[in-house]
Structures are given as C-alpha cells and as structure tokens.
C-alpha cells in the first residue's frame, strides 16, 4: 500500500532523532540497535510515546502485530504451560505453508518474559533432540531421537545435549519481539551472564561452538500424513573472531532463528520455566536431571512411566538398565533438592517411576477442568 510506513523505517527515524540514544550508544549502528534486547527494553516506552505523538492516524504496516505483542507483554502472566500436543502438527504445517514474508513474522509468546523465565518447546523437550548426555556423538546419517504425538524427529551431525538446550532457550528468549528472518544482535557477555557462566575466553569459545552447532546440525521432522521438513535451529550466525584485541563492549554476536520451527512454539505447545531454578541443577547426574526437569514441567499431571521408557526417551547411553536406574535415582534426588519435585519412588515390582510435583496455577486450572484437581490439594506459588 502506497504511503504505508514499515516498522524498520519508523525505528530508524525514532533512534536518529533520539539524543539520549546517541549519547549512550554512539558506536552502535542504528539499523542493528533495535535487535539488541537491552536497547529495545530501555527505549520501548519512549518509542511507543513517540509513535503515538508523531504518527497518530497514519498507516504503519506491521504496527498492529507489534502492538499486540507489546500488549501481551504488559498483561499479567496468566499461563499457558499446559501442553495440548494435538495442535503441534497443524501448527507446523500451517507455518510451512504460510505465504507471509518471513520478515513480517514476529515471535509472539503471550506471556511476560521475566528475567528468570524461559520458553521451552514441548515437542523438543519430550524427545532426545537435546539428549541427556555429556559427551556428544557425531551422526553421519539421520538417527531417530524420538516420536512426539506421531511426529518422527531425527537429527544428523553433532549431537545436541542439555547444555545446548540451555543456550538455545536463552537465544529464543533474546529473540522475543524480533521478526523472524531478521538478525538478533546481542552482547556476548550478556548471553553468558544470563546463562550463569563466566565471561572468560573458555566460556566465550564454548558459546561460539554451540551457536555453530545450531547452524550445522540438521533436524528432520516427519509429521503423520504430511510433508517432512529438514533444517537447522539457526539459519545463520555471526560471532567475533578476534577475542584478544576486540574491546569488550564491541563483542557482539548475531543470529537468525529458523522461522520454519516457529510452529514448535505455537499456542499450547510450549512451557514457561524458572530458569534460575534450573541453573541450580549441578553435579553428577545433572544431564539427566535437566532433561527430566523439562519433561516433568511440561506435564500438568504426572503419570508413572517405566524406567526403560524414560531411558529410551532421553537418549541415555547407559548400556544396562541397572546402570540407568542408578543414575535416574541420583537425578531425581537432584530435582528434589532444588524443589522441582516434592518426592519420587521406583516401584520394585513394576519398575514404574512415580513422581510427585505441585503443578503451576495454570496447570492446576487445567486439571480443574478435567475434574482431577481433587488429587492435588495445593498449588505452586
């Protein structure tokens, strides 16, 4: 439509005339500044006021999309961490066939992104896409890492583990509000700090290796009676290559999330977790404990599962069921110690794992609708 302004043009115009931005960030390119979470958060209110005062009544192409995301961010966190996985395949197919330009799509989670909150894709968490292993394997050909609601998931290349999942959750959080297909630009040190890591050379190199892995490792998803899709978690990325001479304030990375995986974060197929609580999971058995954490949090009601079923789902490399059972006990103790679960037991006769956990308020509401709330007398604060 002739005369319609797009959001990028408005942002550049706003920052170009904002003296406070020029003083605080004299070396930051204006066309990249808005993709930095810190800058966007700092100037969001000023931008909204400026937009209202200077463009009232004038057409702006993507403003309705952006404003809807802003309004959702301002609402009280009211929860959608109950998974209704029947929507997953439809969401993925819809996203693959969507004809809208990629640059117009914005990651829109309907809840507040608090500092300690991260979003987890339930389909990703309920298989071994991010396996419960410490040492990664390399798969020359595609290998099956799970089936989620009839959707076959395979990977080829270097294996992904729970440390990788932590980093991917952080990158997804920092991409909030940025259109798919656009670069997300962030300070390297900020990414590491949010992950609870040091900002030394070793940790920077670890982060760059993980980002490279997200670009290289191939993922193939085959829904029932639908075309299969092959791609990567990140379309591409840019990381600093001169760590010794580059000033700390100029160490930034840029990356683009793969828009074809947006369906895995659609309504009712993601869970919000307390990331600070997750970072407390440390020590021997933490890889399995972290996998269990996301698997448990994504279920409103905890059903008993056989030990061997959990071993198969998490991608464990324990050669014997006895060895895995021992590691499972240690991991469940870790989750109990940090308050993620209240108790657990393994039935000696059936080998079924029983887990007790107080669900979130949203999950409790879901159980109320199902008529199961009488089984859970209290709720998580």
Protein backbone atom coordinates (compact mmCIF):
# COMPACT_ATOMS: atom_id res chain seq x y z
CA UNK A 1 0.00 0.00 0.00
CA UNK A 2 1.41 3.33 -1.06
CA UNK A 3 2.32 5.61 1.82
CA UNK A 4 2.43 2.86 4.43
CA UNK A 5 5.45 3.01 6.73
CA UNK A 6 7.13 -0.21 7.85
CA UNK A 7 8.38 -0.74 11.39
CA UNK A 8 12.07 -0.73 10.49
CA UNK A 9 11.78 2.72 8.91
CA UNK A 10 9.98 4.05 11.99
CA UNK A 11 12.58 2.64 14.39
CA UNK A 12 15.45 4.15 12.41
CA UNK A 13 13.67 7.51 12.32
CA UNK A 14 12.99 7.36 16.07
CA UNK A 15 16.59 6.49 17.05
CA UNK A 16 18.05 9.02 14.59
CA UNK A 17 16.36 11.85 16.45
CA UNK A 18 16.77 10.46 19.97
CA UNK A 19 19.60 12.36 21.66
CA UNK A 20 19.73 10.02 24.67
CA UNK A 21 20.36 7.05 22.38
CA UNK A 22 23.12 8.92 20.53
CA UNK A 23 24.87 9.77 23.81
CA UNK A 24 24.58 6.28 25.34
CA UNK A 25 25.35 4.23 22.23
CA UNK A 26 27.48 6.38 19.92
CA UNK A 27 29.14 3.37 18.24
CA UNK A 28 26.03 1.21 17.75
CA UNK A 29 24.64 1.14 14.18
CA UNK A 30 21.05 2.37 14.24
CA UNK A 31 19.80 -0.34 11.87
CA UNK A 32 21.03 -3.04 14.30
CA UNK A 33 20.32 -1.37 17.65
CA UNK A 34 16.66 -2.36 17.93
CA UNK A 35 17.55 -6.05 17.71
CA UNK A 36 19.56 -5.77 20.94
CA UNK A 37 17.28 -6.82 23.81
CA UNK A 38 18.80 -4.33 26.26
CA UNK A 39 18.41 -1.32 23.97
CA UNK A 40 14.92 -2.35 22.90
CA UNK A 41 13.81 -2.73 26.52
CA UNK A 42 15.38 0.61 27.53
CA UNK A 43 13.73 2.67 24.77
CA UNK A 44 10.45 0.80 24.26
CA UNK A 45 8.28 3.20 26.25
CA UNK A 46 9.84 6.24 24.57
CA UNK A 47 9.26 4.64 21.17
CA UNK A 48 5.59 3.96 21.93
CA UNK A 49 5.09 7.59 23.05
CA UNK A 50 6.94 8.90 20.01
CA UNK A 51 4.87 6.67 17.72
CA UNK A 52 1.62 7.91 19.26
CA UNK A 53 2.63 11.58 19.06
CA UNK A 54 4.20 11.69 15.61
CA UNK A 55 2.23 9.12 13.62
CA UNK A 56 -1.25 9.30 15.05
CA UNK A 57 -3.76 8.37 12.39
CA UNK A 58 -1.10 7.49 9.82
CA UNK A 59 -0.89 3.92 8.41
CA UNK A 60 2.00 1.75 9.60
CA UNK A 61 2.16 -1.73 8.10
CA UNK A 62 3.24 -4.02 10.96
CA UNK A 63 2.25 -1.87 13.95
CA UNK A 64 -0.82 -3.96 14.80
CA UNK A 65 1.38 -7.05 15.02
CA UNK A 66 3.99 -5.32 17.16
CA UNK A 67 1.44 -3.61 19.40
CA UNK A 68 -0.36 -6.89 20.02
CA UNK A 69 2.91 -8.39 21.19
CA UNK A 70 3.58 -5.36 23.41
CA UNK A 71 0.12 -5.56 24.97
CA UNK A 72 0.58 -9.23 25.71
CA UNK A 73 3.90 -8.45 27.38
CA UNK A 74 2.14 -5.91 29.62
CA UNK A 75 -0.54 -8.33 30.78
CA UNK A 76 -0.15 -10.29 33.98
CA UNK A 77 1.45 -13.68 33.45
CA UNK A 78 -1.62 -15.89 33.21
CA UNK A 79 -0.03 -19.08 31.98
CA UNK A 80 -0.17 -21.49 29.06
CA UNK A 81 2.26 -24.14 30.16
CA UNK A 82 -0.26 -26.94 29.76
CA UNK A 83 0.59 -28.76 26.56
CA UNK A 84 -2.14 -29.73 24.12
CA UNK A 85 0.09 -31.54 21.68
CA UNK A 86 -2.72 -32.32 19.26
CA UNK A 87 -2.14 -28.78 17.91
CA UNK A 88 1.55 -29.35 17.16
CA UNK A 89 1.36 -30.94 13.71
CA UNK A 90 -1.26 -28.44 12.49
CA UNK A 91 0.90 -25.56 13.74
CA UNK A 92 3.99 -26.86 11.95
CA UNK A 93 2.16 -27.47 8.69
CA UNK A 94 0.48 -24.07 8.87
CA UNK A 95 3.84 -22.40 9.43
CA UNK A 96 5.45 -24.21 6.50
CA UNK A 97 2.64 -23.21 4.14
CA UNK A 98 2.25 -19.63 5.38
CA UNK A 99 2.82 -17.29 2.46
CA UNK A 100 3.50 -14.13 4.51
CA UNK A 101 7.00 -12.69 4.11
CA UNK A 102 9.37 -14.07 6.74
CA UNK A 103 10.44 -10.59 7.82
CA UNK A 104 6.86 -9.79 8.87
CA UNK A 105 6.63 -12.66 11.36
CA UNK A 106 7.32 -11.91 14.99
CA UNK A 107 7.86 -14.39 17.79
CA UNK A 108 4.78 -13.74 19.88
CA UNK A 109 4.64 -15.56 23.21
CA UNK A 110 1.51 -14.40 25.05
CA UNK A 111 3.16 -14.11 28.46
CA UNK A 112 5.53 -11.81 30.26
CA UNK A 113 9.18 -12.59 29.65
CA UNK A 114 10.57 -12.07 33.14
CA UNK A 115 14.29 -12.13 33.72
CA UNK A 116 14.07 -15.63 35.17
CA UNK A 117 11.61 -17.03 32.62
CA UNK A 118 12.45 -19.16 29.61
CA UNK A 119 10.23 -20.76 26.99
CA UNK A 120 10.54 -24.46 26.23
CA UNK A 121 9.06 -26.16 23.18
CA UNK A 122 7.31 -29.26 24.50
CA UNK A 123 7.97 -31.32 21.35
CA UNK A 124 11.69 -30.52 21.66
CA UNK A 125 11.72 -31.44 25.36
CA UNK A 126 9.83 -34.71 25.06
CA UNK A 127 12.38 -36.50 22.91
CA UNK A 128 16.17 -36.78 22.72
CA UNK A 129 16.66 -33.82 20.36
CA UNK A 130 18.64 -32.38 23.29
CA UNK A 131 19.87 -35.64 24.80
CA UNK A 132 20.66 -36.38 28.44
CA UNK A 133 24.37 -36.89 27.71
CA UNK A 134 27.58 -35.06 28.50
CA UNK A 135 29.78 -36.20 25.62
CA UNK A 136 28.27 -35.63 22.19
CA UNK A 137 28.28 -38.18 19.40
CA UNK A 138 28.51 -37.43 15.69
CA UNK A 139 25.88 -38.96 13.43
CA UNK A 140 26.89 -39.28 9.79
CA UNK A 141 23.35 -40.16 8.78
CA UNK A 142 19.97 -39.29 10.29
CA UNK A 143 19.12 -41.12 13.51
CA UNK A 144 15.75 -41.17 15.26
CA UNK A 145 15.72 -39.21 18.52
CA UNK A 146 12.04 -39.66 19.30
CA UNK A 147 8.43 -39.64 18.24
CA UNK A 148 6.15 -36.94 19.65
CA UNK A 149 2.43 -37.41 19.01
CA UNK A 150 3.10 -39.32 15.83
CA UNK A 151 5.72 -36.83 14.66
CA UNK A 152 9.07 -38.51 13.92
CA UNK A 153 12.14 -36.47 14.95
CA UNK A 154 15.62 -37.23 13.58
CA UNK A 155 18.99 -35.49 13.63
CA UNK A 156 22.22 -35.73 11.63
CA UNK A 157 25.57 -34.21 12.55
CA UNK A 158 26.85 -33.39 16.01
CA UNK A 159 24.55 -34.40 18.85
CA UNK A 160 22.87 -31.75 20.98
CA UNK A 161 22.76 -32.03 24.78
CA UNK A 162 21.20 -30.22 27.74
CA UNK A 163 23.89 -27.52 27.86
CA UNK A 164 22.95 -26.78 24.25
CA UNK A 165 19.29 -26.65 25.25
CA UNK A 166 20.05 -24.04 27.93
CA UNK A 167 21.80 -21.87 25.33
CA UNK A 168 19.04 -22.32 22.75
CA UNK A 169 16.41 -21.29 25.32
CA UNK A 170 18.45 -18.15 26.01
CA UNK A 171 18.74 -17.30 22.32
CA UNK A 172 14.99 -17.81 21.85
CA UNK A 173 14.27 -15.51 24.80
CA UNK A 174 16.52 -12.78 23.40
CA UNK A 175 14.73 -13.03 20.06
CA UNK A 176 11.41 -12.04 21.60
CA UNK A 177 9.81 -9.26 19.52
CA UNK A 178 12.29 -9.56 16.64
CA UNK A 179 10.74 -10.53 13.28
CA UNK A 180 11.73 -13.96 12.04
CA UNK A 181 14.34 -13.63 9.33
CA UNK A 182 15.96 -10.58 10.97
CA UNK A 183 19.23 -10.71 12.85
CA UNK A 184 19.12 -10.79 16.64
CA UNK A 185 22.15 -8.85 17.88
CA UNK A 186 23.35 -9.33 21.46
CA UNK A 187 26.38 -8.74 23.63
CA UNK A 188 28.41 -11.93 24.08
CA UNK A 189 28.94 -11.16 27.76
CA UNK A 190 25.23 -10.63 28.32
CA UNK A 191 24.36 -14.01 26.82
CA UNK A 192 26.93 -15.72 29.05
CA UNK A 193 25.85 -13.84 32.17
CA UNK A 194 22.20 -14.77 31.62
CA UNK A 195 23.31 -18.40 31.30
CA UNK A 196 25.07 -18.20 34.66
CA UNK A 197 28.51 -18.64 33.07
CA UNK A 198 31.75 -16.72 33.36
CA UNK A 199 32.72 -14.35 30.57
CA UNK A 200 36.27 -15.67 30.13
CA UNK A 201 37.74 -16.89 26.86
CA UNK A 202 36.85 -20.53 27.57
CA UNK A 203 33.17 -19.73 28.07
CA UNK A 204 33.08 -17.47 25.00
CA UNK A 205 34.52 -20.24 22.86
CA UNK A 206 32.00 -22.69 24.33
CA UNK A 207 29.17 -20.34 23.34
CA UNK A 208 30.50 -19.88 19.81
CA UNK A 209 30.85 -23.66 19.43
CA UNK A 210 27.23 -24.11 20.49
CA UNK A 211 25.98 -21.48 18.07
CA UNK A 212 27.95 -23.11 15.28
CA UNK A 213 26.40 -26.45 16.23
CA UNK A 214 22.90 -24.99 15.96
CA UNK A 215 23.75 -23.90 12.41
CA UNK A 216 25.41 -27.20 11.39
CA UNK A 217 23.28 -29.94 12.97
CA UNK A 218 20.39 -30.97 10.74
CA UNK A 219 16.95 -31.78 12.10
CA UNK A 220 14.32 -33.72 10.17
CA UNK A 221 10.68 -33.71 11.27
CA UNK A 222 8.13 -36.04 9.71
CA UNK A 223 4.51 -35.47 10.82
CA UNK A 224 1.89 -38.11 10.05
CA UNK A 225 0.49 -37.80 6.52
CA UNK A 226 2.32 -34.51 5.97
CA UNK A 227 5.49 -33.48 4.09
CA UNK A 228 8.64 -33.86 6.14
CA UNK A 229 10.91 -30.92 6.82
CA UNK A 230 14.70 -30.73 7.17
CA UNK A 231 16.51 -27.71 8.57
CA UNK A 232 18.63 -26.18 11.33
CA UNK A 233 17.77 -24.45 14.59
CA UNK A 234 19.61 -21.31 13.41
CA UNK A 235 19.57 -20.23 9.77
CA UNK A 236 22.94 -18.49 10.19
CA UNK A 237 25.06 -16.68 12.76
CA UNK A 238 27.94 -14.23 13.10
CA UNK A 239 30.40 -14.31 16.03
CA UNK A 240 33.50 -12.21 16.84
CA UNK A 241 36.71 -13.77 15.58
CA UNK A 242 39.30 -11.59 17.37
CA UNK A 243 38.93 -12.21 21.09
CA UNK A 244 42.28 -10.75 22.13
CA UNK A 245 42.17 -7.29 20.58
CA UNK A 246 38.45 -6.64 20.23
CA UNK A 247 37.21 -4.36 23.05
CA UNK A 248 34.75 -5.99 25.43
CA UNK A 249 31.97 -3.54 24.52
CA UNK A 250 32.26 -4.49 20.85
CA UNK A 251 31.95 -8.24 21.38
CA UNK A 252 28.54 -8.92 19.87
CA UNK A 253 27.03 -11.88 18.11
CA UNK A 254 24.18 -12.01 15.61
CA UNK A 255 21.93 -14.93 14.70
CA UNK A 256 18.69 -15.75 12.90
CA UNK A 257 16.20 -18.29 14.23
CA UNK A 258 14.79 -20.70 11.68
CA UNK A 259 11.20 -19.48 11.06
CA UNK A 260 10.08 -22.97 9.98
CA UNK A 261 10.37 -24.10 13.63
CA UNK A 262 8.01 -21.38 14.84
CA UNK A 263 5.22 -23.96 14.93
CA UNK A 264 7.02 -25.72 17.77
CA UNK A 265 6.38 -22.62 19.90
CA UNK A 266 2.75 -22.12 18.91
CA UNK A 267 -0.08 -21.71 21.38
CA UNK A 268 -0.47 -24.64 23.78
CA UNK A 269 2.75 -26.39 22.74
CA UNK A 270 5.24 -24.58 24.96
CA UNK A 271 6.00 -24.36 28.68
CA UNK A 272 7.40 -21.50 30.75
CA UNK A 273 10.08 -22.49 33.27
CA UNK A 274 12.00 -20.80 36.09
CA UNK A 275 15.48 -20.67 34.56
CA UNK A 276 17.26 -19.68 37.79
CA UNK A 277 15.88 -22.79 39.43
CA UNK A 278 17.14 -24.85 36.50
CA UNK A 279 20.64 -23.40 36.83
CA UNK A 280 20.80 -24.85 40.35
CA UNK A 281 20.81 -28.36 38.89
CA UNK A 282 24.51 -29.22 39.09
CA UNK A 283 26.80 -32.13 39.75
CA UNK A 284 26.79 -35.78 38.82
CA UNK A 285 23.58 -36.75 37.12
CA UNK A 286 22.74 -33.18 36.09
CA UNK A 287 22.42 -34.03 32.38
CA UNK A 288 19.61 -36.49 33.03
CA UNK A 289 18.15 -34.26 35.76
CA UNK A 290 17.91 -31.33 33.33
CA UNK A 291 16.19 -33.48 30.72
CA UNK A 292 13.74 -34.75 33.35
CA UNK A 293 13.14 -31.18 34.53
CA UNK A 294 11.70 -30.03 31.18
CA UNK A 295 9.81 -33.27 30.66
CA UNK A 296 8.18 -33.00 34.10
CA UNK A 297 7.40 -29.26 33.89
CA UNK A 298 5.60 -29.72 30.58
CA UNK A 299 3.03 -32.10 32.07
CA UNK A 300 0.21 -30.88 34.29
CA UNK A 301 -0.36 -34.36 35.64
CA UNK A 302 2.46 -36.78 36.46
CA UNK A 303 1.79 -40.31 35.24
CA UNK A 304 4.04 -43.23 36.15
CA UNK A 305 6.49 -44.39 33.47
CA UNK A 306 8.72 -47.41 33.31
CA UNK A 307 12.44 -46.84 33.83
CA UNK A 308 13.19 -48.26 30.39
CA UNK A 309 10.70 -45.86 28.76
CA UNK A 310 12.48 -42.87 30.29
CA UNK A 311 15.86 -44.26 29.19
CA UNK A 312 14.61 -44.53 25.61
CA UNK A 313 13.05 -41.07 25.54
CA UNK A 314 16.02 -39.14 26.99
CA UNK A 315 18.71 -40.62 24.71
CA UNK A 316 20.81 -42.07 27.53
CA UNK A 317 23.87 -44.07 26.56
CA UNK A 318 23.79 -46.27 29.68
CA UNK A 319 24.38 -49.79 28.42
CA UNK A 320 22.35 -51.54 31.09
CA UNK A 321 19.01 -50.81 32.68
CA UNK A 322 20.59 -51.28 36.10
CA UNK A 323 23.15 -48.55 35.43
CA UNK A 324 20.49 -46.18 34.12
CA UNK A 325 18.28 -46.84 37.13
CA UNK A 326 21.12 -45.84 39.45
CA UNK A 327 21.70 -42.61 37.52
CA UNK A 328 17.96 -41.94 37.46
CA UNK A 329 17.83 -42.11 41.26
CA UNK A 330 20.65 -39.56 41.55
CA UNK A 331 18.96 -37.25 39.05
CA UNK A 332 15.60 -37.41 40.81
CA UNK A 333 17.35 -36.58 44.09
CA UNK A 334 18.87 -33.50 42.42
CA UNK A 335 15.43 -32.35 41.28
CA UNK A 336 14.05 -32.86 44.78
CA UNK A 337 16.95 -30.94 46.34
CA UNK A 338 16.26 -27.83 44.22
CA UNK A 339 12.49 -28.01 44.76
CA UNK A 340 11.36 -29.00 41.27
CA UNK A 341 9.68 -32.16 42.59
CA UNK A 342 8.49 -32.97 46.09
CA UNK A 343 9.11 -36.72 46.10
CA UNK A 344 9.68 -39.78 43.94
CA UNK A 345 9.84 -43.56 44.11
CA UNK A 346 10.52 -46.51 41.83
CA UNK A 347 8.16 -49.45 42.31
CA UNK A 348 10.30 -52.54 42.80
CA UNK A 349 7.66 -54.85 41.37
CA UNK A 350 6.72 -52.93 38.21
CA UNK A 351 9.79 -50.69 37.71
CA UNK A 352 7.40 -47.75 37.35
CA UNK A 353 8.74 -44.29 38.29
CA UNK A 354 6.28 -42.26 40.39
CA UNK A 355 6.94 -38.51 40.68
CA UNK A 356 5.17 -36.06 42.98
CA UNK A 357 5.13 -32.42 41.97
CA UNK A 358 2.93 -29.42 42.77
CA UNK A 359 1.68 -28.04 39.43
CA UNK A 360 1.65 -24.38 38.46
CA UNK A 361 -1.54 -22.32 38.80
CA UNK A 362 -2.26 -22.70 35.09
CA UNK A 363 -1.76 -26.44 35.18
CA UNK A 364 -3.99 -26.66 38.26
CA UNK A 365 -6.71 -24.79 36.38
CA UNK A 366 -6.34 -27.29 33.54
CA UNK A 367 -6.73 -30.18 35.99
CA UNK A 368 -9.80 -28.49 37.46
CA UNK A 369 -11.42 -28.55 34.03
CA UNK A 370 -10.62 -32.24 33.73
CA UNK A 371 -12.03 -32.90 37.20
CA UNK A 372 -8.71 -34.08 38.59
CA UNK A 373 -7.92 -31.18 40.93
CA UNK A 374 -9.07 -33.18 43.97
CA UNK A 375 -5.89 -35.21 43.60
CA UNK A 376 -3.68 -32.14 44.02
CA UNK A 377 -4.67 -30.10 47.11
CA UNK A 378 -2.10 -27.30 46.86
CA UNK A 379 -0.53 -25.24 44.13
CA UNK A 380 2.86 -23.75 43.35
CA UNK A 381 3.31 -20.08 44.21
